[in-house]
Protein backbone atom coordinates (compact mmCIF):
# COMPACT_ATOMS: atom_id res chain seq x y z
CA MET A 1 -116.39 -1.83 -83.26
CA SER A 2 -116.11 1.25 -85.42
CA ALA A 3 -118.54 4.13 -85.08
CA HIS A 4 -121.24 4.28 -87.71
CA CYS A 5 -124.79 5.50 -88.12
CA GLN A 6 -127.29 2.68 -87.61
CA LEU A 7 -129.82 4.18 -90.03
CA THR A 8 -127.70 5.30 -92.98
CA GLY A 9 -124.54 3.25 -92.37
CA ALA A 10 -122.34 6.36 -92.70
CA GLN A 11 -119.02 6.43 -90.87
CA PRO A 12 -117.21 9.49 -89.47
CA GLY A 13 -114.43 10.87 -91.62
CA PHE A 14 -111.93 11.14 -88.76
CA GLY A 15 -111.62 11.25 -84.99
CA ASN A 16 -113.89 9.84 -82.32
CA ASN A 17 -117.26 11.19 -83.44
CA SER A 18 -119.47 8.55 -81.82
CA ARG A 19 -122.07 9.36 -79.16
CA TYR A 20 -123.21 6.81 -76.63
CA VAL A 21 -126.97 6.86 -77.06
CA ARG A 22 -129.58 4.23 -77.72
CA LEU A 23 -129.18 4.73 -81.48
CA LYS A 24 -126.01 6.05 -83.06
CA LEU A 25 -127.26 8.41 -85.75
CA SER A 26 -125.62 10.87 -88.07
CA ALA A 27 -127.01 14.37 -88.57
CA LYS A 28 -128.57 13.24 -91.85
CA ALA A 29 -130.22 10.28 -90.12
CA ILE A 30 -131.71 12.55 -87.45
CA LYS A 31 -133.30 14.62 -90.22
CA THR A 32 -134.58 11.40 -91.80
CA VAL A 33 -136.13 10.34 -88.48
CA ASP A 34 -137.80 13.75 -88.25
CA THR A 35 -139.24 13.22 -91.74
CA ILE A 36 -140.36 9.57 -91.64
CA GLY A 37 -140.86 9.12 -87.90
CA VAL A 38 -139.22 6.95 -85.27
CA GLU A 39 -141.24 3.80 -85.95
CA ALA A 40 -140.39 3.77 -89.67
CA ALA A 41 -136.72 4.48 -88.92
CA VAL A 42 -136.53 1.59 -86.44
CA ALA A 43 -138.26 -0.65 -89.00
CA ARG A 44 -135.56 0.23 -91.55
CA ILE A 45 -132.80 -0.55 -89.04
CA ARG A 46 -134.39 -3.90 -88.14
CA ALA A 47 -134.82 -4.73 -91.85
CA ARG A 48 -131.03 -4.46 -92.18
CA GLY A 49 -130.67 -7.08 -89.45
CA VAL A 50 -129.42 -4.80 -86.67
CA LYS A 51 -130.73 -5.56 -83.19
CA VAL A 52 -132.41 -2.54 -81.63
């Protein structure tokens, strides 16, 4: 499975840039979580059909 951000769907440009955490988020997605909150971010992820 390729590395990608669960919130924005962005993929790294090159290399192994994935982190093994509960949610794999890009820097932009972390800023989005800070803005809209964790609950709203998880709701967006679940709306896309991803199991969290």
